[in-house]
N, C-alpha and C. Protein backbone atom coordinates (compact mmCIF):
# COMPACT_ATOMS: atom_id res chain seq x y z
N MET A 1 12.87 -29.64 -8.08
CA MET A 1 11.51 -29.21 -8.25
C MET A 1 11.11 -28.42 -7.02
N HIS A 2 10.48 -27.26 -7.25
CA HIS A 2 10.07 -26.39 -6.16
C HIS A 2 8.65 -26.71 -5.72
N ALA A 3 8.42 -26.61 -4.42
CA ALA A 3 7.08 -26.83 -3.90
C ALA A 3 6.20 -25.64 -4.27
N GLU A 4 4.95 -25.92 -4.56
CA GLU A 4 4.03 -24.85 -4.91
C GLU A 4 3.87 -23.91 -3.72
N VAL A 5 3.87 -22.63 -4.01
CA VAL A 5 3.72 -21.62 -2.97
C VAL A 5 2.24 -21.33 -2.80
N THR A 6 1.77 -21.39 -1.56
CA THR A 6 0.39 -21.06 -1.25
C THR A 6 0.36 -19.87 -0.33
N LYS A 7 -0.84 -19.27 -0.21
CA LYS A 7 -0.98 -18.12 0.68
C LYS A 7 -0.66 -18.49 2.12
N ALA A 8 -1.02 -19.70 2.52
CA ALA A 8 -0.74 -20.13 3.89
C ALA A 8 0.77 -20.17 4.15
N LYS A 9 1.53 -20.66 3.16
CA LYS A 9 2.99 -20.72 3.32
C LYS A 9 3.60 -19.33 3.39
N LEU A 10 2.93 -18.34 2.79
CA LEU A 10 3.43 -16.97 2.82
C LEU A 10 3.02 -16.23 4.09
N GLY A 11 2.15 -16.84 4.89
CA GLY A 11 1.67 -16.17 6.09
C GLY A 11 0.50 -15.24 5.81
N VAL A 12 -0.19 -15.48 4.68
CA VAL A 12 -1.35 -14.67 4.32
C VAL A 12 -2.58 -15.49 4.66
N ASN A 13 -3.35 -15.02 5.62
CA ASN A 13 -4.50 -15.78 6.09
C ASN A 13 -5.78 -15.46 5.32
N SER A 14 -6.03 -14.19 5.05
CA SER A 14 -7.25 -13.77 4.38
C SER A 14 -7.03 -13.74 2.87
N PRO A 15 -8.01 -14.21 2.10
CA PRO A 15 -7.85 -14.14 0.65
C PRO A 15 -7.84 -12.72 0.13
N HIS A 16 -8.29 -11.77 0.94
CA HIS A 16 -8.33 -10.38 0.51
C HIS A 16 -7.05 -9.63 0.88
N GLN A 17 -6.14 -10.25 1.61
CA GLN A 17 -4.92 -9.57 2.01
C GLN A 17 -3.96 -9.38 0.85
N MET A 18 -3.95 -10.29 -0.08
CA MET A 18 -3.00 -10.21 -1.18
C MET A 18 -3.70 -9.66 -2.41
N ASN A 19 -3.10 -8.66 -3.03
CA ASN A 19 -3.76 -8.07 -4.19
C ASN A 19 -3.53 -8.91 -5.45
N THR A 20 -4.21 -8.53 -6.49
CA THR A 20 -4.21 -9.29 -7.73
C THR A 20 -2.82 -9.39 -8.35
N LEU A 21 -2.04 -8.31 -8.32
CA LEU A 21 -0.71 -8.34 -8.92
C LEU A 21 0.15 -9.42 -8.28
N LEU A 22 0.14 -9.49 -6.96
CA LEU A 22 0.93 -10.51 -6.26
C LEU A 22 0.39 -11.91 -6.54
N LYS A 23 -0.93 -12.05 -6.56
CA LYS A 23 -1.53 -13.35 -6.86
C LYS A 23 -1.11 -13.83 -8.24
N LEU A 24 -1.14 -12.91 -9.22
CA LEU A 24 -0.76 -13.27 -10.58
C LEU A 24 0.72 -13.68 -10.65
N ALA A 25 1.57 -12.91 -9.99
CA ALA A 25 3.01 -13.21 -10.02
C ALA A 25 3.30 -14.55 -9.36
N ILE A 26 2.68 -14.82 -8.23
CA ILE A 26 2.92 -16.09 -7.53
C ILE A 26 2.35 -17.26 -8.33
N HIS A 27 1.18 -17.05 -8.93
CA HIS A 27 0.61 -18.09 -9.79
C HIS A 27 1.55 -18.39 -10.95
N GLU A 28 2.09 -17.34 -11.56
CA GLU A 28 3.02 -17.52 -12.68
C GLU A 28 4.30 -18.22 -12.23
N ALA A 29 4.80 -17.86 -11.06
CA ALA A 29 6.00 -18.53 -10.54
C ALA A 29 5.72 -20.02 -10.31
N ASN A 30 4.55 -20.33 -9.78
CA ASN A 30 4.18 -21.74 -9.60
C ASN A 30 4.08 -22.45 -10.94
N ARG A 31 3.49 -21.77 -11.93
CA ARG A 31 3.36 -22.36 -13.26
C ARG A 31 4.73 -22.65 -13.86
N ARG A 32 5.69 -21.75 -13.62
CA ARG A 32 7.04 -21.93 -14.15
C ARG A 32 7.91 -22.82 -13.24
N ASN A 33 7.30 -23.27 -12.14
CA ASN A 33 8.03 -24.09 -11.17
C ASN A 33 9.24 -23.34 -10.61
N GLN A 34 9.02 -22.06 -10.28
CA GLN A 34 10.08 -21.22 -9.73
C GLN A 34 9.85 -20.98 -8.25
N SER A 35 10.93 -20.78 -7.54
CA SER A 35 10.84 -20.44 -6.12
C SER A 35 10.53 -18.95 -5.98
N MET A 36 10.17 -18.54 -4.79
CA MET A 36 9.92 -17.13 -4.54
C MET A 36 11.21 -16.32 -4.65
N GLN A 37 12.34 -16.94 -4.35
CA GLN A 37 13.63 -16.27 -4.52
C GLN A 37 13.87 -15.98 -6.01
N GLU A 38 13.54 -16.95 -6.85
CA GLU A 38 13.70 -16.76 -8.29
C GLU A 38 12.73 -15.70 -8.81
N LEU A 39 11.51 -15.72 -8.31
CA LEU A 39 10.53 -14.70 -8.68
C LEU A 39 11.04 -13.31 -8.32
N ALA A 40 11.48 -13.16 -7.08
CA ALA A 40 12.00 -11.86 -6.64
C ALA A 40 13.16 -11.40 -7.52
N SER A 41 14.06 -12.31 -7.81
CA SER A 41 15.22 -11.99 -8.64
C SER A 41 14.79 -11.52 -10.03
N GLN A 42 13.84 -12.21 -10.62
CA GLN A 42 13.39 -11.85 -11.97
C GLN A 42 12.64 -10.53 -11.98
N ILE A 43 11.95 -10.21 -10.90
CA ILE A 43 11.27 -8.92 -10.81
C ILE A 43 12.27 -7.80 -10.55
N GLY A 44 13.36 -8.15 -9.86
CA GLY A 44 14.38 -7.17 -9.56
C GLY A 44 14.28 -6.60 -8.16
N ILE A 45 13.71 -7.41 -7.25
CA ILE A 45 13.58 -7.00 -5.85
C ILE A 45 14.13 -8.10 -4.95
N SER A 46 14.29 -7.77 -3.69
CA SER A 46 14.79 -8.78 -2.75
C SER A 46 13.66 -9.73 -2.35
N TYR A 47 14.05 -10.92 -1.96
CA TYR A 47 13.08 -11.90 -1.46
C TYR A 47 12.34 -11.35 -0.25
N VAL A 48 13.05 -10.67 0.64
CA VAL A 48 12.43 -10.11 1.85
C VAL A 48 11.35 -9.10 1.47
N TYR A 49 11.64 -8.24 0.49
CA TYR A 49 10.67 -7.25 0.04
C TYR A 49 9.46 -7.92 -0.61
N LEU A 50 9.70 -8.95 -1.43
CA LEU A 50 8.60 -9.68 -2.06
C LEU A 50 7.68 -10.28 -1.00
N MET A 51 8.26 -10.89 0.02
CA MET A 51 7.45 -11.49 1.07
C MET A 51 6.67 -10.43 1.86
N ALA A 52 7.29 -9.28 2.08
CA ALA A 52 6.60 -8.18 2.78
C ALA A 52 5.42 -7.69 1.94
N LEU A 53 5.59 -7.62 0.63
CA LEU A 53 4.48 -7.25 -0.25
C LEU A 53 3.37 -8.30 -0.20
N ALA A 54 3.75 -9.57 -0.26
CA ALA A 54 2.77 -10.66 -0.28
C ALA A 54 1.97 -10.72 1.02
N ARG A 55 2.62 -10.44 2.13
CA ARG A 55 1.92 -10.47 3.43
C ARG A 55 1.13 -9.19 3.69
N GLY A 56 1.36 -8.16 2.88
CA GLY A 56 0.68 -6.89 3.10
C GLY A 56 1.41 -5.99 4.07
N ASP A 57 2.64 -6.37 4.46
CA ASP A 57 3.42 -5.53 5.35
C ASP A 57 3.91 -4.27 4.63
N ARG A 58 4.09 -4.36 3.33
CA ARG A 58 4.48 -3.22 2.50
C ARG A 58 3.40 -3.05 1.44
N PRO A 59 2.82 -1.86 1.31
CA PRO A 59 1.74 -1.67 0.33
C PRO A 59 2.28 -1.64 -1.11
N THR A 60 1.64 -2.38 -1.98
CA THR A 60 2.06 -2.39 -3.38
C THR A 60 1.80 -1.05 -4.05
N GLU A 61 0.88 -0.28 -3.52
CA GLU A 61 0.56 1.02 -4.12
C GLU A 61 1.73 1.98 -4.07
N THR A 62 2.69 1.73 -3.19
CA THR A 62 3.83 2.65 -3.05
C THR A 62 5.10 2.11 -3.69
N MET A 63 4.98 1.04 -4.48
CA MET A 63 6.15 0.50 -5.16
C MET A 63 6.67 1.53 -6.16
N THR A 64 7.95 1.47 -6.45
CA THR A 64 8.54 2.38 -7.42
C THR A 64 8.19 1.93 -8.84
N ARG A 65 8.36 2.83 -9.78
CA ARG A 65 8.10 2.52 -11.19
C ARG A 65 8.97 1.34 -11.63
N ARG A 66 10.20 1.28 -11.16
CA ARG A 66 11.10 0.18 -11.51
C ARG A 66 10.52 -1.18 -11.10
N VAL A 67 9.90 -1.22 -9.93
CA VAL A 67 9.30 -2.48 -9.45
C VAL A 67 8.08 -2.82 -10.29
N PHE A 68 7.25 -1.82 -10.60
CA PHE A 68 6.10 -2.07 -11.48
C PHE A 68 6.58 -2.57 -12.84
N ASP A 69 7.66 -1.98 -13.35
CA ASP A 69 8.24 -2.45 -14.62
C ASP A 69 8.65 -3.92 -14.52
N GLY A 70 9.25 -4.30 -13.39
CA GLY A 70 9.68 -5.68 -13.18
C GLY A 70 8.52 -6.65 -13.16
N PHE A 71 7.46 -6.29 -12.45
CA PHE A 71 6.26 -7.15 -12.42
C PHE A 71 5.66 -7.25 -13.82
N ALA A 72 5.58 -6.11 -14.52
CA ALA A 72 4.99 -6.11 -15.86
C ALA A 72 5.78 -7.00 -16.81
N ALA A 73 7.09 -6.89 -16.77
CA ALA A 73 7.93 -7.73 -17.64
C ALA A 73 7.78 -9.20 -17.29
N TYR A 74 7.77 -9.52 -16.01
CA TYR A 74 7.66 -10.91 -15.58
C TYR A 74 6.33 -11.52 -16.03
N LEU A 75 5.25 -10.73 -15.93
CA LEU A 75 3.92 -11.23 -16.26
C LEU A 75 3.54 -11.02 -17.72
N SER A 76 4.41 -10.35 -18.49
CA SER A 76 4.12 -10.02 -19.90
C SER A 76 2.83 -9.22 -20.01
N ILE A 77 2.71 -8.20 -19.17
CA ILE A 77 1.57 -7.29 -19.20
C ILE A 77 2.11 -5.87 -19.31
N SER A 78 1.24 -4.92 -19.57
CA SER A 78 1.68 -3.53 -19.63
C SER A 78 1.91 -3.00 -18.22
N VAL A 79 2.70 -1.96 -18.12
CA VAL A 79 2.93 -1.33 -16.82
C VAL A 79 1.62 -0.77 -16.27
N ALA A 80 0.77 -0.25 -17.14
CA ALA A 80 -0.54 0.27 -16.70
C ALA A 80 -1.36 -0.85 -16.05
N GLN A 81 -1.32 -2.04 -16.64
CA GLN A 81 -2.03 -3.17 -16.04
C GLN A 81 -1.45 -3.52 -14.68
N ALA A 82 -0.13 -3.46 -14.56
CA ALA A 82 0.49 -3.75 -13.27
C ALA A 82 0.01 -2.75 -12.21
N TYR A 83 -0.07 -1.48 -12.57
CA TYR A 83 -0.59 -0.48 -11.63
C TYR A 83 -2.04 -0.77 -11.26
N LEU A 84 -2.85 -1.15 -12.23
CA LEU A 84 -4.25 -1.47 -11.95
C LEU A 84 -4.38 -2.71 -11.07
N PHE A 85 -3.64 -3.76 -11.40
CA PHE A 85 -3.72 -5.00 -10.62
C PHE A 85 -3.22 -4.81 -9.19
N SER A 86 -2.31 -3.85 -8.98
CA SER A 86 -1.78 -3.62 -7.63
C SER A 86 -2.74 -2.80 -6.77
N GLY A 87 -3.65 -2.10 -7.41
CA GLY A 87 -4.53 -1.20 -6.66
C GLY A 87 -4.01 0.23 -6.62
N ALA A 88 -2.82 0.47 -7.20
CA ALA A 88 -2.27 1.83 -7.21
C ALA A 88 -3.12 2.74 -8.09
N LEU A 89 -3.71 2.18 -9.12
CA LEU A 89 -4.66 2.90 -9.97
C LEU A 89 -5.96 2.13 -9.98
N LYS A 90 -7.05 2.86 -10.14
CA LYS A 90 -8.36 2.26 -10.24
C LYS A 90 -8.96 2.64 -11.58
N PRO A 91 -9.84 1.82 -12.14
CA PRO A 91 -10.45 2.20 -13.41
C PRO A 91 -11.08 3.60 -13.37
N SER A 92 -11.62 3.97 -12.23
CA SER A 92 -12.24 5.29 -12.12
C SER A 92 -11.23 6.43 -12.25
N ASP A 93 -9.93 6.13 -12.07
CA ASP A 93 -8.90 7.15 -12.24
C ASP A 93 -8.82 7.63 -13.69
N PHE A 94 -9.38 6.84 -14.62
CA PHE A 94 -9.32 7.19 -16.03
C PHE A 94 -10.56 7.93 -16.51
N LEU A 95 -11.53 8.13 -15.62
CA LEU A 95 -12.76 8.81 -16.00
C LEU A 95 -12.66 10.29 -15.68
N VAL A 96 -13.27 11.09 -16.53
CA VAL A 96 -13.28 12.53 -16.34
C VAL A 96 -14.67 12.94 -15.86
N GLN A 97 -14.72 13.71 -14.80
CA GLN A 97 -15.99 14.23 -14.32
C GLN A 97 -16.43 15.38 -15.23
N VAL A 98 -17.63 15.27 -15.75
CA VAL A 98 -18.15 16.30 -16.65
C VAL A 98 -19.28 17.02 -15.92
N SER A 99 -19.17 18.34 -15.87
CA SER A 99 -20.19 19.13 -15.18
C SER A 99 -21.47 19.16 -16.00
N ALA A 100 -22.57 19.51 -15.34
CA ALA A 100 -23.87 19.60 -16.01
C ALA A 100 -23.84 20.65 -17.11
N SER A 101 -23.14 21.76 -16.88
CA SER A 101 -23.09 22.82 -17.90
C SER A 101 -22.31 22.34 -19.13
N MET A 102 -21.26 21.53 -18.92
CA MET A 102 -20.52 20.98 -20.06
C MET A 102 -21.39 20.00 -20.84
N GLN A 103 -22.19 19.21 -20.14
CA GLN A 103 -23.09 18.28 -20.80
C GLN A 103 -24.13 19.04 -21.63
N LEU A 104 -24.67 20.12 -21.06
CA LEU A 104 -25.65 20.92 -21.77
C LEU A 104 -25.03 21.56 -23.01
N ASP A 105 -23.81 22.08 -22.86
CA ASP A 105 -23.11 22.65 -24.02
C ASP A 105 -22.93 21.61 -25.12
N ALA A 106 -22.56 20.39 -24.75
CA ALA A 106 -22.36 19.33 -25.73
C ALA A 106 -23.67 18.99 -26.43
N LEU A 107 -24.76 18.94 -25.67
CA LEU A 107 -26.08 18.66 -26.26
C LEU A 107 -26.49 19.75 -27.23
N LEU A 108 -26.24 21.00 -26.88
CA LEU A 108 -26.58 22.12 -27.76
C LEU A 108 -25.77 22.07 -29.05
N ILE A 109 -24.51 21.68 -28.95
CA ILE A 109 -23.67 21.54 -30.16
C ILE A 109 -24.21 20.44 -31.04
N VAL A 110 -24.55 19.29 -30.45
CA VAL A 110 -25.09 18.17 -31.21
C VAL A 110 -26.41 18.58 -31.86
N GLN A 111 -27.25 19.26 -31.11
CA GLN A 111 -28.53 19.71 -31.65
C GLN A 111 -28.29 20.66 -32.84
N HIS A 112 -27.35 21.56 -32.68
CA HIS A 112 -27.05 22.51 -33.75
C HIS A 112 -26.52 21.79 -34.99
N LEU A 113 -25.69 20.78 -34.80
CA LEU A 113 -25.09 20.08 -35.94
C LEU A 113 -26.07 19.17 -36.67
N PHE A 114 -26.95 18.52 -35.91
CA PHE A 114 -27.81 17.49 -36.53
C PHE A 114 -29.26 17.89 -36.68
N CYS A 115 -29.65 18.98 -36.11
CA CYS A 115 -31.07 19.35 -36.16
C CYS A 115 -31.24 20.71 -36.82
N LYS A 116 -30.51 20.97 -37.87
CA LYS A 116 -30.65 22.25 -38.58
C LYS A 116 -31.99 22.30 -39.27
N SER A 117 -32.68 23.41 -39.10
CA SER A 117 -33.99 23.54 -39.75
C SER A 117 -33.87 24.27 -41.06
């Protein structure tokens, strides 16, 4: 039986140092009663790299697609969710900035379509 992994055991002092993706993966490893070595193996990375990610020594935003794929498969989430949980993507990355002139054009089209006299 493996001891539960905590942030203190990983050398992470601040609750804000570890991002959501790592928290989810470590929580899942604890739930499965797996060691961090087993977690790293299942994700497809080295234990040393996993610990560097957990401590914030290596930024998760710069992980390769292969690593994001590994986290996604381990957590049974989409790769897009893995990118979001890591901080590599933000919800605002999916929004399109619309200029005032484009908004006015859209309003004029709607007015023309629905307000015919």
